[in-house]
Amino acid sequence: MKRLLPLLLSLAVPFVGQEQKSNDFVKGFPPEPKPSEGPVRLTMIQKLFILKYAEPSRMQSLLGVFGASVRTDNDLHAIAVSASETAMAGIEDAIKRLDIPSAIPQNVELIAYYVVGGPDENTAGGALSKDLESVITQLRNTFPFKNYKLLDTVTLRTRTGQNADTTGTVSGANQPVTITNFRIGSATVAADGNTVRIDKMKVGVRLPVPTGLPGPGAPVQFTYQDLGLNADVDIKEGQKVVVGRVGMSRDQALFLVLTARVVN
């Protein structure tokens, strides 16, 4: 009996150990979540890029997709970028692809002709220039107006990727001033070099309209009618294109004829 007691004790020890492991397994299942370590902080790096060809302002808008902070200096032709290490690698690759000779801004000249169509010689405006003859022929074949006159001609010169605007005035004998406005968001030259893309074009005319017949010796009274036209348009260099029509009255309409050319 004395010999059996140590043997029983030695056999009991492994079972106690296994029971403890079993309890630990149940206690730890499923695994308890680890304490939160807080948000991961990205390491930001800063770099300065000196551009050879591309406009810094245009590059700034394109690099915005990377979620980076971009500052520009057009005089130094430079951009300063602050971004994560991963984003910076993508930014460097994008700059290499975009800062190429074809990105050099080009000068674009736009000429806008404000043409009025009406029923007779009393149509508002002056004589048409000869370079509009082909366009006027097209208008006569398309619209019922018998007479066409030139209200105003506006010339606007800008650089690709930049906005621009100009304002003109037209005055006549015993007539209040007509105000014309021509504005674009940007002009872009296509890869073929012969097509100019005009984005966010806004054309406005502030036109005086007589309010009625004056009394004896009294001046004619006028009120103003505001006309507007918004459009995006592609123009082949050198072509004259009718880009819009706005009704002025029951028997008159304003047409905008636009031409564009790249100026070296």
C-alpha atoms as a PDB file:
ATOM      1  CA  MET A   1       0.000   0.000   0.000  1.00  0.00           C
ATOM      2  CA  LYS A   2       2.861   2.335   0.792  1.00  0.00           C
ATOM      3  CA  ARG A   3       4.374   1.661  -2.619  1.00  0.00           C
ATOM      4  CA  LEU A   4       1.123   2.509  -4.433  1.00  0.00           C
ATOM      5  CA  LEU A   5       0.746   5.998  -2.898  1.00  0.00           C
ATOM      6  CA  PRO A   6       3.737   7.689  -4.676  1.00  0.00           C
ATOM      7  CA  LEU A   7       2.639   6.092  -7.951  1.00  0.00           C
ATOM      8  CA  LEU A   8      -0.896   7.483  -7.628  1.00  0.00           C
ATOM      9  CA  LEU A   9       0.465  10.948  -6.828  1.00  0.00           C
ATOM     10  CA  SER A  10       2.769  10.909  -9.849  1.00  0.00           C
ATOM     11  CA  LEU A  11      -0.122   9.931 -12.125  1.00  0.00           C
ATOM     12  CA  ALA A  12      -2.322  12.742 -10.752  1.00  0.00           C
ATOM     13  CA  VAL A  13       0.113  15.534 -11.660  1.00  0.00           C
ATOM     14  CA  PRO A  14      -0.258  15.338 -15.500  1.00  0.00           C
ATOM     15  CA  PHE A  15      -4.071  15.408 -15.257  1.00  0.00           C
ATOM     16  CA  VAL A  16      -3.938  18.559 -13.137  1.00  0.00           C
ATOM     17  CA  GLY A  17      -1.685  20.226 -15.706  1.00  0.00           C
ATOM     18  CA  GLN A  18      -3.951  19.236 -18.607  1.00  0.00           C
ATOM     19  CA  GLU A  19      -6.999  20.576 -16.811  1.00  0.00           C
ATOM     20  CA  GLN A  20      -5.264  23.913 -16.302  1.00  0.00           C
ATOM     21  CA  LYS A  21      -4.368  24.141 -20.011  1.00  0.00           C
ATOM     22  CA  SER A  22      -7.966  23.333 -20.947  1.00  0.00           C
ATOM     23  CA  ASN A  23      -9.290  26.117 -18.727  1.00  0.00           C
ATOM     24  CA  ASP A  24      -6.802  28.561 -20.248  1.00  0.00           C
ATOM     25  CA  PHE A  25      -7.904  27.631 -23.751  1.00  0.00           C
ATOM     26  CA  VAL A  26     -11.584  28.217 -22.940  1.00  0.00           C
ATOM     27  CA  LYS A  27     -10.800  31.454 -21.162  1.00  0.00           C
ATOM     28  CA  GLY A  28      -8.849  32.820 -24.142  1.00  0.00           C
ATOM     29  CA  PHE A  29     -11.317  31.859 -26.875  1.00  0.00           C
ATOM     30  CA  PRO A  30     -12.109  33.936 -28.775  1.00  0.00           C
ATOM     31  CA  PRO A  31      -8.856  35.897 -28.355  1.00  0.00           C
ATOM     32  CA  GLU A  32      -9.216  39.059 -26.364  1.00  0.00           C
ATOM     33  CA  PRO A  33      -8.666  42.209 -28.477  1.00  0.00           C
ATOM     34  CA  LYS A  34      -5.457  44.097 -27.958  1.00  0.00           C
ATOM     35  CA  PRO A  35      -5.616  47.637 -26.626  1.00  0.00           C
ATOM     36  CA  SER A  36      -5.965  50.230 -29.402  1.00  0.00           C
ATOM     37  CA  GLU A  37      -2.727  51.884 -30.379  1.00  0.00           C
ATOM     38  CA  GLY A  38      -4.470  54.978 -31.905  1.00  0.00           C
ATOM     39  CA  PRO A  39      -4.550  56.208 -35.539  1.00  0.00           C
ATOM     40  CA  VAL A  40      -1.557  55.563 -37.752  1.00  0.00           C
ATOM     41  CA  ARG A  41       0.316  58.777 -38.452  1.00  0.00           C
ATOM     42  CA  LEU A  42       1.700  59.223 -41.959  1.00  0.00           C
ATOM     43  CA  THR A  43       5.143  60.673 -42.320  1.00  0.00           C
ATOM     44  CA  MET A  44       4.921  63.797 -44.482  1.00  0.00           C
ATOM     45  CA  ILE A  45       7.813  64.877 -46.674  1.00  0.00           C
ATOM     46  CA  GLN A  46       8.367  68.096 -48.584  1.00  0.00           C
ATOM     47  CA  LYS A  47       9.940  68.587 -51.999  1.00  0.00           C
ATOM     48  CA  LEU A  48      10.544  71.493 -54.349  1.00  0.00           C
ATOM     49  CA  PHE A  49      10.177  70.931 -58.099  1.00  0.00           C
ATOM     50  CA  ILE A  50      11.479  73.356 -60.736  1.00  0.00           C
ATOM     51  CA  LEU A  51       9.369  72.900 -63.872  1.00  0.00           C
ATOM     52  CA  LYS A  52      10.905  73.175 -67.333  1.00  0.00           C
ATOM     53  CA  TYR A  53       7.807  73.424 -69.506  1.00  0.00           C
ATOM     54  CA  ALA A  54       4.464  73.090 -67.699  1.00  0.00           C
ATOM     55  CA  GLU A  55       2.668  75.973 -66.012  1.00  0.00           C
ATOM     56  CA  PRO A  56       2.853  75.687 -62.174  1.00  0.00           C
ATOM     57  CA  SER A  57      -0.823  76.656 -61.765  1.00  0.00           C
ATOM     58  CA  ARG A  58      -1.966  73.911 -64.150  1.00  0.00           C
ATOM     59  CA  MET A  59       0.280  71.375 -62.460  1.00  0.00           C
ATOM     60  CA  GLN A  60      -1.180  72.350 -59.081  1.00  0.00           C
ATOM     61  CA  SER A  61      -4.730  71.483 -60.146  1.00  0.00           C
ATOM     62  CA  LEU A  62      -3.637  68.140 -61.631  1.00  0.00           C
ATOM     63  CA  LEU A  63      -1.652  67.061 -58.577  1.00  0.00           C
ATOM     64  CA  GLY A  64      -4.662  67.642 -56.339  1.00  0.00           C
ATOM     65  CA  VAL A  65      -5.787  64.050 -56.997  1.00  0.00           C
ATOM     66  CA  PHE A  66      -2.952  62.848 -54.750  1.00  0.00           C
ATOM     67  CA  GLY A  67      -4.342  64.678 -51.713  1.00  0.00           C
ATOM     68  CA  ALA A  68      -1.125  66.666 -51.385  1.00  0.00           C
ATOM     69  CA  SER A  69      -0.554  70.261 -50.360  1.00  0.00           C
ATOM     70  CA  VAL A  70       0.826  72.114 -53.400  1.00  0.00           C
ATOM     71  CA  ARG A  71       2.052  75.717 -53.536  1.00  0.00           C
ATOM     72  CA  THR A  72       3.131  77.431 -56.728  1.00  0.00           C
ATOM     73  CA  ASP A  73       5.410  80.279 -57.766  1.00  0.00           C
ATOM     74  CA  ASN A  74       4.899  81.268 -61.398  1.00  0.00           C
ATOM     75  CA  ASP A  75       7.844  83.677 -61.418  1.00  0.00           C
ATOM     76  CA  LEU A  76      10.290  80.950 -60.334  1.00  0.00           C
ATOM     77  CA  HIS A  77       8.385  78.321 -62.334  1.00  0.00           C
ATOM     78  CA  ALA A  78       8.358  76.118 -59.250  1.00  0.00           C
ATOM     79  CA  ILE A  79       5.979  74.092 -57.102  1.00  0.00           C
ATOM     80  CA  ALA A  80       6.437  73.091 -53.442  1.00  0.00           C
ATOM     81  CA  VAL A  81       4.754  69.817 -52.472  1.00  0.00           C
ATOM     82  CA  SER A  82       3.995  68.325 -49.064  1.00  0.00           C
ATOM     83  CA  ALA A  83       2.732  64.730 -49.164  1.00  0.00           C
ATOM     84  CA  SER A  84       3.078  61.268 -47.691  1.00  0.00           C
ATOM     85  CA  GLU A  85       5.962  59.129 -48.870  1.00  0.00           C
ATOM     86  CA  THR A  86       3.638  56.940 -50.944  1.00  0.00           C
ATOM     87  CA  ALA A  87       1.877  59.917 -52.554  1.00  0.00           C
ATOM     88  CA  MET A  88       5.181  61.662 -53.254  1.00  0.00           C
ATOM     89  CA  ALA A  89       6.351  58.726 -55.366  1.00  0.00           C
ATOM     90  CA  GLY A  90       3.234  59.062 -57.517  1.00  0.00           C
ATOM     91  CA  ILE A  91       3.658  62.851 -57.723  1.00  0.00           C
ATOM     92  CA  GLU A  92       7.258  62.547 -58.929  1.00  0.00           C
ATOM     93  CA  ASP A  93       6.186  60.122 -61.642  1.00  0.00           C
ATOM     94  CA  ALA A  94       3.307  62.395 -62.714  1.00  0.00           C
ATOM     95  CA  ILE A  95       5.607  65.427 -62.988  1.00  0.00           C
ATOM     96  CA  LYS A  96       8.039  63.490 -65.192  1.00  0.00           C
ATOM     97  CA  ARG A  97       5.177  62.545 -67.510  1.00  0.00           C
ATOM     98  CA  LEU A  98       3.540  65.991 -67.604  1.00  0.00           C
ATOM     99  CA  ASP A  99       6.506  68.387 -67.608  1.00  0.00           C
ATOM    100  CA  ILE A 100       7.323  67.861 -71.297  1.00  0.00           C
ATOM    101  CA  PRO A 101       7.844  70.249 -74.258  1.00  0.00           C
ATOM    102  CA  SER A 102       4.235  69.882 -75.455  1.00  0.00           C
ATOM    103  CA  ALA A 103       3.105  71.367 -72.116  1.00  0.00           C
ATOM    104  CA  ILE A 104       4.562  74.782 -72.979  1.00  0.00           C
ATOM    105  CA  PRO A 105       1.676  77.315 -72.893  1.00  0.00           C
ATOM    106  CA  GLN A 106       0.661  78.750 -76.258  1.00  0.00           C
ATOM    107  CA  ASN A 107      -0.870  82.083 -77.144  1.00  0.00           C
ATOM    108  CA  VAL A 108      -4.386  81.945 -78.553  1.00  0.00           C
ATOM    109  CA  GLU A 109      -6.230  84.791 -80.239  1.00  0.00           C
ATOM    110  CA  LEU A 110     -10.026  84.771 -80.339  1.00  0.00           C
ATOM    111  CA  ILE A 111     -12.185  87.140 -82.380  1.00  0.00           C
ATOM    112  CA  ALA A 112     -15.892  87.321 -81.546  1.00  0.00           C
ATOM    113  CA  TYR A 113     -18.305  88.943 -83.997  1.00  0.00           C
ATOM    114  CA  TYR A 114     -21.687  90.068 -82.648  1.00  0.00           C
ATOM    115  CA  VAL A 115     -24.011  89.835 -85.668  1.00  0.00           C
ATOM    116  CA  VAL A 116     -27.643  90.966 -85.544  1.00  0.00           C
ATOM    117  CA  GLY A 117     -30.287  89.528 -87.864  1.00  0.00           C
ATOM    118  CA  GLY A 118     -33.418  91.553 -88.498  1.00  0.00           C
ATOM    119  CA  PRO A 119     -36.239  92.345 -90.958  1.00  0.00           C
ATOM    120  CA  ASP A 120     -34.926  95.531 -92.633  1.00  0.00           C
ATOM    121  CA  GLU A 121     -32.321  98.286 -92.732  1.00  0.00           C
ATOM    122  CA  ASN A 122     -33.369  99.450 -89.273  1.00  0.00           C
ATOM    123  CA  THR A 123     -31.708  96.372 -87.795  1.00  0.00           C
ATOM    124  CA  ALA A 124     -29.276  97.389 -85.035  1.00  0.00           C
ATOM    125  CA  GLY A 125     -25.599  97.513 -85.977  1.00  0.00           C
ATOM    126  CA  GLY A 126     -23.274  98.650 -88.731  1.00  0.00           C
ATOM    127  CA  ALA A 127     -21.852  97.372 -92.001  1.00  0.00           C
ATOM    128  CA  LEU A 128     -20.518  93.820 -92.181  1.00  0.00           C
ATOM    129  CA  SER A 129     -16.867  93.141 -92.940  1.00  0.00           C
ATOM    130  CA  LYS A 130     -15.980  91.173 -96.072  1.00  0.00           C
ATOM    131  CA  ASP A 131     -14.413  88.313 -94.116  1.00  0.00           C
ATOM    132  CA  LEU A 132     -17.906  87.482 -92.788  1.00  0.00           C
ATOM    133  CA  GLU A 133     -19.502  86.986 -96.218  1.00  0.00           C
ATOM    134  CA  SER A 134     -19.381  83.174 -96.149  1.00  0.00           C
ATOM    135  CA  VAL A 135     -20.926  83.063 -92.663  1.00  0.00           C
ATOM    136  CA  ILE A 136     -23.684  85.510 -93.582  1.00  0.00           C
ATOM    137  CA  THR A 137     -24.520  83.385 -96.625  1.00  0.00           C
ATOM    138  CA  GLN A 138     -24.993  80.385 -94.334  1.00  0.00           C
ATOM    139  CA  LEU A 139     -27.193  82.420 -91.984  1.00  0.00           C
ATOM    140  CA  ARG A 140     -29.369  83.642 -94.871  1.00  0.00           C
ATOM    141  CA  ASN A 141     -29.868  80.047 -96.009  1.00  0.00           C
ATOM    142  CA  THR A 142     -30.810  78.894 -92.517  1.00  0.00           C
ATOM    143  CA  PHE A 143     -32.784  81.720 -90.898  1.00  0.00           C
ATOM    144  CA  PRO A 144     -35.578  83.961 -92.222  1.00  0.00           C
ATOM    145  CA  PHE A 145     -33.937  87.306 -91.427  1.00  0.00           C
ATOM    146  CA  LYS A 146     -33.604  89.582 -94.454  1.00  0.00           C
ATOM    147  CA  ASN A 147     -30.905  91.857 -93.107  1.00  0.00           C
ATOM    148  CA  TYR A 148     -27.718  91.277 -91.114  1.00  0.00           C
ATOM    149  CA  LYS A 149     -25.518  93.865 -89.461  1.00  0.00           C
ATOM    150  CA  LEU A 150     -22.394  93.839 -87.305  1.00  0.00           C
ATOM    151  CA  LEU A 151     -23.052  95.085 -83.778  1.00  0.00           C
ATOM    152  CA  ASP A 152     -19.502  94.735 -82.416  1.00  0.00           C
ATOM    153  CA  THR A 153     -16.187  92.908 -82.849  1.00  0.00           C
ATOM    154  CA  VAL A 154     -14.173  91.844 -79.802  1.00  0.00           C
ATOM    155  CA  THR A 155     -10.607  90.491 -79.877  1.00  0.00           C
ATOM    156  CA  LEU A 156      -9.293  88.493 -76.934  1.00  0.00           C
ATOM    157  CA  ARG A 157      -5.761  87.127 -76.604  1.00  0.00           C
ATOM    158  CA  THR A 158      -4.877  84.646 -73.875  1.00  0.00           C
ATOM    159  CA  ARG A 159      -2.543  81.754 -73.026  1.00  0.00           C
ATOM    160  CA  THR A 160      -3.601  78.136 -72.928  1.00  0.00           C
ATOM    161  CA  GLY A 161      -4.881  77.077 -69.528  1.00  0.00           C
ATOM    162  CA  GLN A 162      -5.714  80.627 -68.408  1.00  0.00           C
ATOM    163  CA  ASN A 163      -8.993  82.517 -68.153  1.00  0.00           C
ATOM    164  CA  ALA A 164      -9.494  85.879 -69.820  1.00  0.00           C
ATOM    165  CA  ASP A 165     -12.182  88.458 -70.472  1.00  0.00           C
ATOM    166  CA  THR A 166     -12.724  91.738 -72.257  1.00  0.00           C
ATOM    167  CA  THR A 167     -15.460  94.345 -72.488  1.00  0.00           C
ATOM    168  CA  GLY A 168     -16.427  96.523 -75.433  1.00  0.00           C
ATOM    169  CA  THR A 169     -18.770  99.439 -75.987  1.00  0.00           C
ATOM    170  CA  VAL A 170     -20.777 100.463 -79.027  1.00  0.00           C
ATOM    171  CA  SER A 171     -22.195 103.965 -79.378  1.00  0.00           C
ATOM    172  CA  GLY A 172     -24.222 105.631 -82.093  1.00  0.00           C
ATOM    173  CA  ALA A 173     -25.761 108.984 -82.839  1.00  0.00           C
ATOM    174  CA  ASN A 174     -28.424 109.827 -80.271  1.00  0.00           C
ATOM    175  CA  GLN A 175     -28.176 106.264 -78.965  1.00  0.00           C
ATOM    176  CA  PRO A 176     -27.111 105.085 -75.508  1.00  0.00           C
ATOM    177  CA  VAL A 177     -24.078 102.833 -75.262  1.00  0.00           C
ATOM    178  CA  THR A 178     -24.354  99.108 -75.936  1.00  0.00           C
ATOM    179  CA  ILE A 179     -21.998  97.065 -73.725  1.00  0.00           C
ATOM    180  CA  THR A 180     -20.554  93.731 -74.851  1.00  0.00           C
ATOM    181  CA  ASN A 181     -18.637  91.271 -72.710  1.00  0.00           C
ATOM    182  CA  PHE A 182     -16.667  88.192 -73.744  1.00  0.00           C
ATOM    183  CA  ARG A 183     -15.169  85.797 -71.173  1.00  0.00           C
ATOM    184  CA  ILE A 184     -13.602  82.317 -71.267  1.00  0.00           C
ATOM    185  CA  GLY A 185     -12.583  79.885 -68.537  1.00  0.00           C
ATOM    186  CA  SER A 186      -9.674  78.475 -70.561  1.00  0.00           C
ATOM    187  CA  ALA A 187      -8.394  77.802 -74.064  1.00  0.00           C
ATOM    188  CA  THR A 188      -6.583  74.582 -74.981  1.00  0.00           C
ATOM    189  CA  VAL A 189      -4.811  73.607 -78.193  1.00  0.00           C
ATOM    190  CA  ALA A 190      -5.419  69.997 -79.246  1.00  0.00           C
ATOM    191  CA  ALA A 191      -2.575  67.612 -80.037  1.00  0.00           C
ATOM    192  CA  ASP A 192      -3.092  68.140 -83.784  1.00  0.00           C
ATOM    193  CA  GLY A 193      -2.215  71.817 -83.288  1.00  0.00           C
ATOM    194  CA  ASN A 194      -5.184  72.913 -85.423  1.00  0.00           C
ATOM    195  CA  THR A 195      -8.115  72.756 -83.003  1.00  0.00           C
ATOM    196  CA  VAL A 196      -8.737  75.182 -80.155  1.00  0.00           C
ATOM    197  CA  ARG A 197     -10.985  74.100 -77.289  1.00  0.00           C
ATOM    198  CA  ILE A 198     -12.822  76.928 -75.510  1.00  0.00           C
ATOM    199  CA  ASP A 199     -14.242  76.027 -72.092  1.00  0.00           C
ATOM    200  CA  LYS A 200     -16.744  78.002 -70.004  1.00  0.00           C
ATOM    201  CA  MET A 201     -17.315  80.715 -72.591  1.00  0.00           C
ATOM    202  CA  LYS A 202     -19.717  83.436 -71.423  1.00  0.00           C
ATOM    203  CA  VAL A 203     -20.962  86.124 -73.770  1.00  0.00           C
ATOM    204  CA  GLY A 204     -23.047  89.050 -72.593  1.00  0.00           C
ATOM    205  CA  VAL A 205     -24.692  92.041 -74.235  1.00  0.00           C
ATOM    206  CA  ARG A 206     -26.361  94.950 -72.460  1.00  0.00           C
ATOM    207  CA  LEU A 207     -28.620  96.335 -75.161  1.00  0.00           C
ATOM    208  CA  PRO A 208     -30.588  99.635 -74.987  1.00  0.00           C
ATOM    209  CA  VAL A 209     -34.223  99.309 -76.026  1.00  0.00           C
ATOM    210  CA  PRO A 210     -36.495 102.363 -76.567  1.00  0.00           C
ATOM    211  CA  THR A 211     -39.477 102.381 -74.241  1.00  0.00           C
ATOM    212  CA  GLY A 212     -41.805 104.285 -76.589  1.00  0.00           C
ATOM    213  CA  LEU A 213     -42.195 107.306 -78.822  1.00  0.00           C
ATOM    214  CA  PRO A 214     -41.102 110.547 -77.165  1.00  0.00           C
ATOM    215  CA  GLY A 215     -43.262 113.629 -76.969  1.00  0.00           C
ATOM    216  CA  PRO A 216     -42.511 116.785 -78.963  1.00  0.00           C
ATOM    217  CA  GLY A 217     -38.992 117.959 -78.104  1.00  0.00           C
ATOM    218  CA  ALA A 218     -38.467 115.189 -75.574  1.00  0.00           C
ATOM    219  CA  PRO A 219     -35.540 112.739 -75.792  1.00  0.00           C
ATOM    220  CA  VAL A 220     -36.144 109.084 -76.497  1.00  0.00           C
ATOM    221  CA  GLN A 221     -36.327 107.026 -73.318  1.00  0.00           C
ATOM    222  CA  PHE A 222     -34.502 103.694 -73.125  1.00  0.00           C
ATOM    223  CA  THR A 223     -34.380 100.664 -70.893  1.00  0.00           C
ATOM    224  CA  TYR A 224     -31.752  97.918 -70.997  1.00  0.00           C
ATOM    225  CA  GLN A 225     -32.107  94.327 -72.104  1.00  0.00           C
ATOM    226  CA  ASP A 226     -29.469  91.840 -70.928  1.00  0.00           C
ATOM    227  CA  LEU A 227     -28.651  88.975 -73.289  1.00  0.00           C
ATOM    228  CA  GLY A 228     -26.367  86.061 -72.479  1.00  0.00           C
ATOM    229  CA  LEU A 229     -24.875  82.935 -74.026  1.00  0.00           C
ATOM    230  CA  ASN A 230     -22.824  80.185 -72.342  1.00  0.00           C
ATOM    231  CA  ALA A 231     -21.082  77.385 -74.245  1.00  0.00           C
ATOM    232  CA  ASP A 232     -18.066  75.096 -74.639  1.00  0.00           C
ATOM    233  CA  VAL A 233     -16.845  74.866 -78.223  1.00  0.00           C
ATOM    234  CA  ASP A 234     -14.123  73.333 -80.423  1.00  0.00           C
ATOM    235  CA  ILE A 235     -12.953  75.491 -83.332  1.00  0.00           C
ATOM    236  CA  LYS A 236     -10.645  74.585 -86.185  1.00  0.00           C
ATOM    237  CA  GLU A 237      -7.971  77.234 -86.463  1.00  0.00           C
ATOM    238  CA  GLY A 238      -8.920  79.897 -88.987  1.00  0.00           C
ATOM    239  CA  GLN A 239     -12.568  78.818 -89.336  1.00  0.00           C
ATOM    240  CA  LYS A 240     -15.477  81.121 -88.522  1.00  0.00           C
ATOM    241  CA  VAL A 241     -18.142  79.280 -86.562  1.00  0.00           C
ATOM    242  CA  VAL A 242     -21.606  80.393 -85.448  1.00  0.00           C
ATOM    243  CA  VAL A 243     -21.613  79.215 -81.839  1.00  0.00           C
ATOM    244  CA  GLY A 244     -24.972  80.525 -80.683  1.00  0.00           C
ATOM    245  CA  ARG A 245     -28.132  82.542 -81.242  1.00  0.00           C
ATOM    246  CA  VAL A 246     -30.046  84.682 -78.739  1.00  0.00           C
ATOM    247  CA  GLY A 247     -33.448  86.250 -79.386  1.00  0.00           C
ATOM    248  CA  MET A 248     -33.465  90.049 -79.036  1.00  0.00           C
ATOM    249  CA  SER A 249     -37.091  90.683 -79.940  1.00  0.00           C
ATOM    250  CA  ARG A 250     -39.882  89.137 -81.971  1.00  0.00           C
ATOM    251  CA  ASP A 251     -38.118  89.937 -85.251  1.00  0.00           C
ATOM    252  CA  GLN A 252     -34.428  90.272 -84.306  1.00  0.00           C
ATOM    253  CA  ALA A 253     -31.769  87.878 -83.043  1.00  0.00           C
ATOM    254  CA  LEU A 254     -28.133  88.102 -82.008  1.00  0.00           C
ATOM    255  CA  PHE A 255     -25.620  85.618 -83.434  1.00  0.00           C
ATOM    256  CA  LEU A 256     -22.119  85.038 -82.078  1.00  0.00           C
ATOM    257  CA  VAL A 257     -19.526  84.174 -84.721  1.00  0.00           C
ATOM    258  CA  LEU A 258     -16.178  83.034 -83.350  1.00  0.00           C
ATOM    259  CA  THR A 259     -12.773  82.395 -84.900  1.00  0.00           C
ATOM    260  CA  ALA A 260      -9.538  81.267 -83.245  1.00  0.00           C
ATOM    261  CA  ARG A 261      -5.869  80.991 -84.132  1.00  0.00           C
ATOM    262  CA  VAL A 262      -2.680  79.972 -82.367  1.00  0.00           C
ATOM    263  CA  VAL A 263      -0.184  82.830 -82.209  1.00  0.00           C
ATOM    264  CA  ASN A 264       3.505  81.893 -82.213  1.00  0.00           C
END
